[in-house]
Amino acid sequence: MRRTLLMLTTLLFACCSSDSESQAETLLTTNDMTMNITIGGETHGVALADNAATQALVEKLQEGPVSINLNTNGDFEIWGALGFSLPTSNEYIDCQPGDVVLYAGSNICIFYGYNSYSYTRLGRIEGLSAEQLKTFLKGGQRNISVTLSLPEATAIGSAPAESDGASSCYALDGRKLAASREKAGETLAHGIYIRNGKKIIGNYLPVDSK
């Protein structure tokens, strides 16, 4: 019995233990990512859902912003072609003001009103009322110029390799950071960072400016 307990304790310790890099680089899911929508010089963020469509959309936007023209439909949304297709996982959705969805695999719909249909959820604009959304989205108009982009910090591509083979990391404000293993023995800040164009949770310190 004692031997069995010892084995179980050893296994539990092994499962809970990991190298420092694994502890420092827990990848965030896509729903921790945001996308920007810019219309008429005004920009608002979209909290993205976690699915194959948004993962493919983020990859596309990492290549650069996407500009599209959308039109009002039924005085509850603006919608139009993205110019490319995304994976679908359609479900019947009761859309509300602020919802951003994918229609028929290659069209984006952004709501300032209400509608129910089969869509793939992309995300949601938070913090604006229905009237504010209608104003921002230019609801009622046609040929609305819309730009989709990633926030600057999340658009960082693959970082150059360091001398020890590690990739560079960046704070959300763009500061270059050092991996925790390079600063052994010092107090480390735990937070959200960018590495290889992805948000991660980790322990990092600013690289010395010298």
Protein backbone atom coordinates (compact mmCIF):
# COMPACT_ATOMS: atom_id res chain seq x y z
CA MET A 1 0.00 0.00 0.00
CA ARG A 2 2.79 2.38 0.94
CA ARG A 3 4.57 1.60 -2.34
CA THR A 4 1.39 2.29 -4.32
CA LEU A 5 0.92 5.63 -2.58
CA LEU A 6 4.53 6.54 -3.31
CA MET A 7 4.06 5.74 -7.00
CA LEU A 8 0.88 7.81 -7.19
CA THR A 9 2.59 10.74 -5.47
CA THR A 10 5.49 10.54 -7.94
CA LEU A 11 3.12 10.49 -10.91
CA LEU A 12 1.15 13.43 -9.55
CA PHE A 13 4.31 15.44 -9.04
CA ALA A 14 5.48 14.63 -12.56
CA CYS A 15 2.16 15.72 -14.07
CA CYS A 16 2.12 19.00 -12.14
CA SER A 17 5.77 19.78 -12.89
CA SER A 18 6.99 21.17 -16.20
CA ASP A 19 9.99 23.03 -17.48
CA SER A 20 10.08 26.80 -16.98
CA GLU A 21 9.35 27.59 -20.61
CA SER A 22 6.14 25.55 -20.58
CA GLN A 23 5.01 27.37 -17.45
CA ALA A 24 5.84 30.71 -19.04
CA GLU A 25 4.09 30.11 -22.36
CA THR A 26 0.51 28.97 -21.88
CA LEU A 27 -1.14 29.93 -25.17
CA LEU A 28 -4.34 31.92 -24.87
CA THR A 29 -7.38 30.78 -26.83
CA THR A 30 -8.65 32.83 -29.74
CA ASN A 31 -11.38 34.43 -27.63
CA ASP A 32 -8.63 36.34 -25.81
CA MET A 33 -7.84 38.01 -29.15
CA THR A 34 -9.44 41.13 -30.57
CA MET A 35 -9.98 42.52 -34.04
CA ASN A 36 -10.37 46.19 -34.90
CA ILE A 37 -13.13 47.58 -37.12
CA THR A 38 -12.44 51.04 -38.55
CA ILE A 39 -15.11 53.12 -40.28
CA GLY A 40 -14.73 56.80 -41.13
CA GLY A 41 -11.61 57.15 -38.99
CA GLU A 42 -13.32 55.69 -35.90
CA THR A 43 -12.12 52.33 -34.54
CA HIS A 44 -13.77 49.85 -32.18
CA GLY A 45 -12.58 46.44 -31.02
CA VAL A 46 -14.32 43.11 -31.55
CA ALA A 47 -13.83 40.37 -28.94
CA LEU A 48 -13.40 37.31 -31.15
CA ALA A 49 -15.11 33.97 -30.62
CA ASP A 50 -13.01 30.80 -30.39
CA ASN A 51 -13.57 28.77 -33.55
CA ALA A 52 -11.93 27.79 -36.85
CA ALA A 53 -13.36 30.84 -38.64
CA THR A 54 -11.77 33.36 -36.28
CA GLN A 55 -8.47 31.47 -36.24
CA ALA A 56 -8.37 31.66 -40.05
CA LEU A 57 -9.42 35.32 -39.94
CA VAL A 58 -6.62 36.21 -37.51
CA GLU A 59 -4.10 34.44 -39.77
CA LYS A 60 -5.40 36.45 -42.74
CA LEU A 61 -5.20 39.74 -40.83
CA GLN A 62 -1.64 38.98 -39.73
CA GLU A 63 -0.77 39.51 -43.40
CA GLY A 64 -2.22 43.01 -43.17
CA PRO A 65 -5.50 44.93 -42.81
CA VAL A 66 -8.45 43.99 -45.04
CA SER A 67 -10.58 46.77 -46.58
CA ILE A 68 -14.11 45.95 -47.73
CA ASN A 69 -17.29 47.75 -48.78
CA LEU A 70 -20.49 46.89 -46.93
CA ASN A 71 -24.13 47.86 -47.41
CA THR A 72 -27.12 48.26 -45.13
CA ASN A 73 -29.61 45.40 -45.07
CA GLY A 74 -33.07 45.69 -43.50
CA ASP A 75 -32.05 48.55 -41.19
CA PHE A 76 -30.52 46.10 -38.71
CA GLU A 77 -27.07 45.27 -40.14
CA ILE A 78 -24.36 46.14 -42.59
CA TRP A 79 -23.02 43.24 -44.59
CA GLY A 80 -21.03 42.25 -47.66
CA ALA A 81 -18.32 40.06 -49.14
CA LEU A 82 -15.00 39.61 -47.36
CA GLY A 83 -13.22 38.70 -50.59
CA PHE A 84 -12.13 35.35 -49.16
CA SER A 85 -13.75 32.34 -47.50
CA LEU A 86 -13.52 31.17 -43.89
CA PRO A 87 -14.44 27.82 -42.28
CA THR A 88 -18.06 27.63 -41.17
CA SER A 89 -19.69 26.23 -38.04
CA ASN A 90 -23.20 27.52 -38.63
CA GLU A 91 -25.81 27.65 -35.90
CA TYR A 92 -29.13 29.42 -35.52
CA ILE A 93 -28.28 32.69 -33.78
CA ASP A 94 -30.56 35.38 -32.36
CA CYS A 95 -28.27 38.27 -33.28
CA GLN A 96 -28.25 41.43 -31.19
CA PRO A 97 -26.64 44.87 -31.62
CA GLY A 98 -22.86 44.45 -31.67
CA ASP A 99 -22.78 40.87 -32.98
CA VAL A 100 -20.37 40.14 -35.83
CA VAL A 101 -21.05 36.96 -37.82
CA LEU A 102 -20.06 35.08 -40.95
CA TYR A 103 -22.77 34.39 -43.53
CA ALA A 104 -22.45 31.73 -46.27
CA GLY A 105 -18.72 31.32 -45.56
CA SER A 106 -17.51 34.51 -47.25
CA ASN A 107 -19.72 37.39 -46.07
CA ILE A 108 -19.49 39.42 -42.88
CA CYS A 109 -22.53 40.83 -41.09
CA ILE A 110 -22.25 43.48 -38.37
CA PHE A 111 -25.44 44.17 -36.42
CA TYR A 112 -26.88 47.34 -34.94
CA GLY A 113 -30.34 45.74 -34.69
CA TYR A 114 -31.81 42.27 -34.32
CA ASN A 115 -32.12 39.28 -36.64
CA SER A 116 -32.23 35.50 -36.36
CA TYR A 117 -30.64 33.19 -38.93
CA SER A 118 -27.99 30.51 -39.43
CA TYR A 119 -24.55 32.09 -39.06
CA THR A 120 -21.03 31.34 -37.86
CA ARG A 121 -20.23 33.55 -34.89
CA LEU A 122 -17.13 35.74 -35.27
CA GLY A 123 -17.33 38.05 -32.28
CA ARG A 124 -18.95 41.06 -30.69
CA ILE A 125 -18.44 44.81 -30.39
CA GLU A 126 -18.85 45.71 -26.73
CA GLY A 127 -19.62 49.01 -25.03
CA LEU A 128 -21.83 50.70 -27.64
CA SER A 129 -25.60 51.12 -27.55
CA ALA A 130 -27.74 50.18 -30.54
CA GLU A 131 -27.96 53.84 -31.56
CA GLN A 132 -24.21 54.35 -31.17
CA LEU A 133 -23.60 51.21 -33.25
CA LYS A 134 -25.91 52.45 -35.99
CA THR A 135 -24.01 55.74 -36.10
CA PHE A 136 -20.59 54.05 -36.07
CA LEU A 137 -21.59 51.47 -38.71
CA LYS A 138 -23.30 54.16 -40.84
CA GLY A 139 -26.48 52.12 -40.83
CA GLY A 140 -28.87 53.06 -43.63
CA GLN A 141 -26.04 53.92 -46.04
CA ARG A 142 -24.47 52.02 -48.92
CA ASN A 143 -20.85 51.49 -50.00
CA ILE A 144 -19.59 51.82 -46.45
CA SER A 145 -15.79 51.59 -46.37
CA VAL A 146 -14.74 49.21 -43.56
CA THR A 147 -11.25 48.14 -42.54
CA LEU A 148 -10.61 45.01 -40.49
CA SER A 149 -7.27 44.78 -38.70
CA LEU A 150 -5.48 43.37 -35.68
CA PRO A 151 -4.37 45.63 -32.82
CA GLU A 152 -0.77 46.61 -33.46
CA ALA A 153 0.71 44.41 -30.70
CA THR A 154 -1.10 41.27 -31.87
CA ALA A 155 -0.03 41.77 -35.46
CA ILE A 156 3.64 41.04 -34.73
CA GLY A 157 4.79 38.22 -36.99
CA SER A 158 7.52 35.68 -36.32
CA ALA A 159 10.19 37.34 -34.23
CA PRO A 160 13.90 36.95 -35.07
CA ALA A 161 15.74 34.23 -33.16
CA GLU A 162 17.95 35.13 -30.24
CA SER A 163 21.48 33.75 -29.92
CA ASP A 164 20.24 30.85 -27.79
CA GLY A 165 17.54 29.98 -30.32
CA ALA A 166 14.66 31.55 -28.37
CA SER A 167 12.18 33.82 -30.15
CA SER A 168 11.83 37.45 -29.12
CA CYS A 169 8.87 38.45 -26.98
CA TYR A 170 7.08 41.78 -26.79
CA ALA A 171 4.90 43.57 -24.28
CA LEU A 172 1.48 44.77 -25.47
CA ASP A 173 2.97 48.28 -25.79
CA GLY A 174 5.66 46.98 -28.18
CA ARG A 175 8.62 46.77 -25.74
CA LYS A 176 11.00 43.90 -26.43
CA LEU A 177 11.23 41.45 -23.53
CA ALA A 178 13.57 38.73 -22.30
CA ALA A 179 12.45 35.19 -21.48
CA SER A 180 12.41 34.34 -17.79
CA ARG A 181 15.13 31.72 -18.12
CA GLU A 182 17.55 34.45 -19.26
CA LYS A 183 16.98 36.35 -16.02
CA ALA A 184 17.25 33.59 -13.45
CA GLY A 185 17.12 34.76 -9.87
CA GLU A 186 15.38 38.06 -10.60
CA THR A 187 11.78 39.00 -9.82
CA LEU A 188 9.65 38.26 -12.89
CA ALA A 189 6.49 40.02 -14.00
CA HIS A 190 3.59 37.70 -14.82
CA GLY A 191 1.32 38.93 -17.60
CA ILE A 192 0.16 38.75 -21.20
CA TYR A 193 2.77 39.08 -23.95
CA ILE A 194 3.20 38.58 -27.71
CA ARG A 195 5.42 35.83 -29.10
CA ASN A 196 5.47 34.77 -32.76
CA GLY A 197 2.32 36.80 -33.36
CA LYS A 198 0.36 35.04 -30.60
CA LYS A 199 -0.74 36.18 -27.18
CA ILE A 200 0.75 34.13 -24.35
CA ILE A 201 0.67 34.20 -20.57
CA GLY A 202 4.18 34.23 -19.18
CA ASN A 203 6.93 35.61 -16.95
CA TYR A 204 9.19 38.09 -18.72
CA LEU A 205 11.46 41.06 -18.06
CA PRO A 206 12.43 43.97 -20.34
CA VAL A 207 15.66 43.46 -22.27
CA ASP A 208 18.46 45.69 -20.97
CA SER A 209 18.74 48.85 -23.06
CA LYS A 210 22.55 48.77 -22.98
